[in-house]
Protein backbone atom coordinates (compact mmCIF):
# COMPACT_ATOMS: atom_id res chain seq x y z
CA MET A 1 0.03 -0.09 0.05
CA LEU A 2 2.68 2.70 0.82
CA LYS A 3 4.26 1.53 -2.75
CA ALA A 4 1.24 2.94 -4.25
CA CYS A 5 1.02 5.72 -1.72
CA LEU A 6 3.92 7.72 -2.34
CA PRO A 7 3.63 8.00 -6.15
CA GLY A 8 0.43 9.33 -5.39
CA ILE A 9 1.40 12.23 -3.20
CA LEU A 10 4.00 12.97 -5.80
CA GLU A 11 1.34 12.73 -8.96
CA LEU A 12 -2.51 12.36 -8.44
CA THR A 13 -2.84 10.10 -11.40
CA ASN A 14 -0.67 7.26 -11.18
CA GLY A 15 -1.07 7.29 -7.27
CA VAL A 16 -4.96 6.71 -8.06
CA CYS A 17 -3.99 3.85 -10.69
CA LEU A 18 -1.57 2.32 -8.21
CA VAL A 19 -4.15 2.18 -5.05
CA ALA A 20 -7.16 1.23 -6.82
CA PRO A 21 -6.64 -2.48 -8.00
CA ILE A 22 -4.61 -3.03 -4.82
CA ALA A 23 -6.34 -6.45 -3.55
CA SER A 24 -7.30 -6.29 0.08
CA LYS A 25 -10.41 -7.74 1.99
CA SER A 26 -11.21 -3.76 2.56
CA ILE A 27 -11.79 -1.79 -0.46
CA SER A 28 -13.20 0.88 2.02
CA THR A 29 -9.28 1.47 2.62
CA ASN A 30 -8.55 1.86 -0.93
CA ILE A 31 -11.30 4.13 -1.56
CA ILE A 32 -10.32 6.56 1.74
CA ILE A 33 -6.77 6.68 0.47
CA CYS A 34 -7.99 7.55 -3.20
CA ALA A 35 -10.07 10.23 -1.63
CA PHE A 36 -7.25 11.89 0.20
CA LEU A 37 -4.88 11.98 -2.70
CA LEU A 38 -8.01 13.46 -4.96
CA GLY A 39 -8.23 16.22 -2.15
CA PHE A 40 -4.53 16.85 -1.84
CA GLY A 41 -3.88 16.91 -5.51
CA GLY A 42 -0.21 16.01 -5.41
CA ILE A 43 3.25 17.86 -5.28
CA SER A 44 3.35 18.27 -9.14
CA ILE A 45 0.44 20.50 -8.89
CA THR A 46 1.71 22.58 -5.76
CA LEU A 47 4.98 22.86 -7.73
CA GLN A 48 2.91 24.08 -10.93
CA ILE A 49 1.14 26.63 -8.35
CA LEU A 50 4.42 27.47 -6.55
CA SER A 51 6.00 28.31 -10.36
CA ILE A 52 2.64 30.49 -10.84
CA THR A 53 2.63 32.41 -7.31
CA SER A 54 6.67 33.20 -7.17
CA LYS A 55 6.44 35.83 -9.60
CA ALA A 56 3.90 37.53 -7.53
CA LYS A 57 5.76 36.90 -4.32
CA ILE A 58 2.70 34.95 -2.74
CA SER A 59 3.44 32.39 -0.25
CA ILE A 60 2.94 28.85 -1.16
CA LYS A 61 2.51 27.78 2.63
CA PRO A 62 -1.31 28.46 3.20
CA TYR A 63 -2.13 27.19 -0.09
CA LEU A 64 -0.20 23.68 0.64
CA ILE A 65 -1.61 23.82 4.48
CA GLY A 66 -5.20 23.97 2.74
CA LYS A 67 -4.35 21.27 0.40
CA LEU A 68 -3.31 19.17 3.29
CA LEU A 69 -6.62 19.88 4.94
CA GLN A 70 -8.69 19.47 2.04
CA GLY A 71 -7.21 15.80 1.36
CA THR A 72 -7.45 14.90 5.11
CA PHE A 73 -11.43 16.61 5.09
CA ALA A 74 -11.86 14.20 2.01
CA ALA A 75 -10.62 11.03 3.52
CA ILE A 76 -12.66 11.72 6.66
CA TYR A 77 -15.68 12.60 5.38
CA THR A 78 -15.43 9.29 2.88
CA TYR A 79 -14.83 7.38 5.99
CA ILE A 80 -18.12 8.52 7.77
CA PHE A 81 -19.79 8.24 4.49
CA LEU A 82 -19.05 4.42 4.27
CA ASN A 83 -19.64 3.85 7.79
CA THR A 84 -23.30 5.59 7.70
CA PHE A 85 -24.03 4.08 4.59
CA TRP A 86 -22.84 0.35 5.28
CA PHE A 87 -25.15 -0.80 2.53
CA LEU A 88 -22.93 0.58 -0.26
CA SER A 89 -19.70 -0.88 1.59
CA LEU A 90 -18.08 -3.44 -1.36
CA ASP A 91 -15.83 -4.91 1.49
CA LEU A 92 -15.63 -8.66 1.46
């Protein structure tokens, strides 16, 4: 799982493609990790934003903190949703 998460933190598309097919009894875990990765967006996106904001002398720190919070909240909300609507769970 860690082998799939690290590329996801760097680049969103490859990370989600690596996390999704991991075989486990708890598919909810894969969904929650994908939710975090989708919320965070990846370091490559952050570096693209940095290249744009560096010309305007704007700090990237609030953006990075916001993206980490967005990823965390996406994972938490997904966990709550999957546990609230148990009939939607795909776990084996």
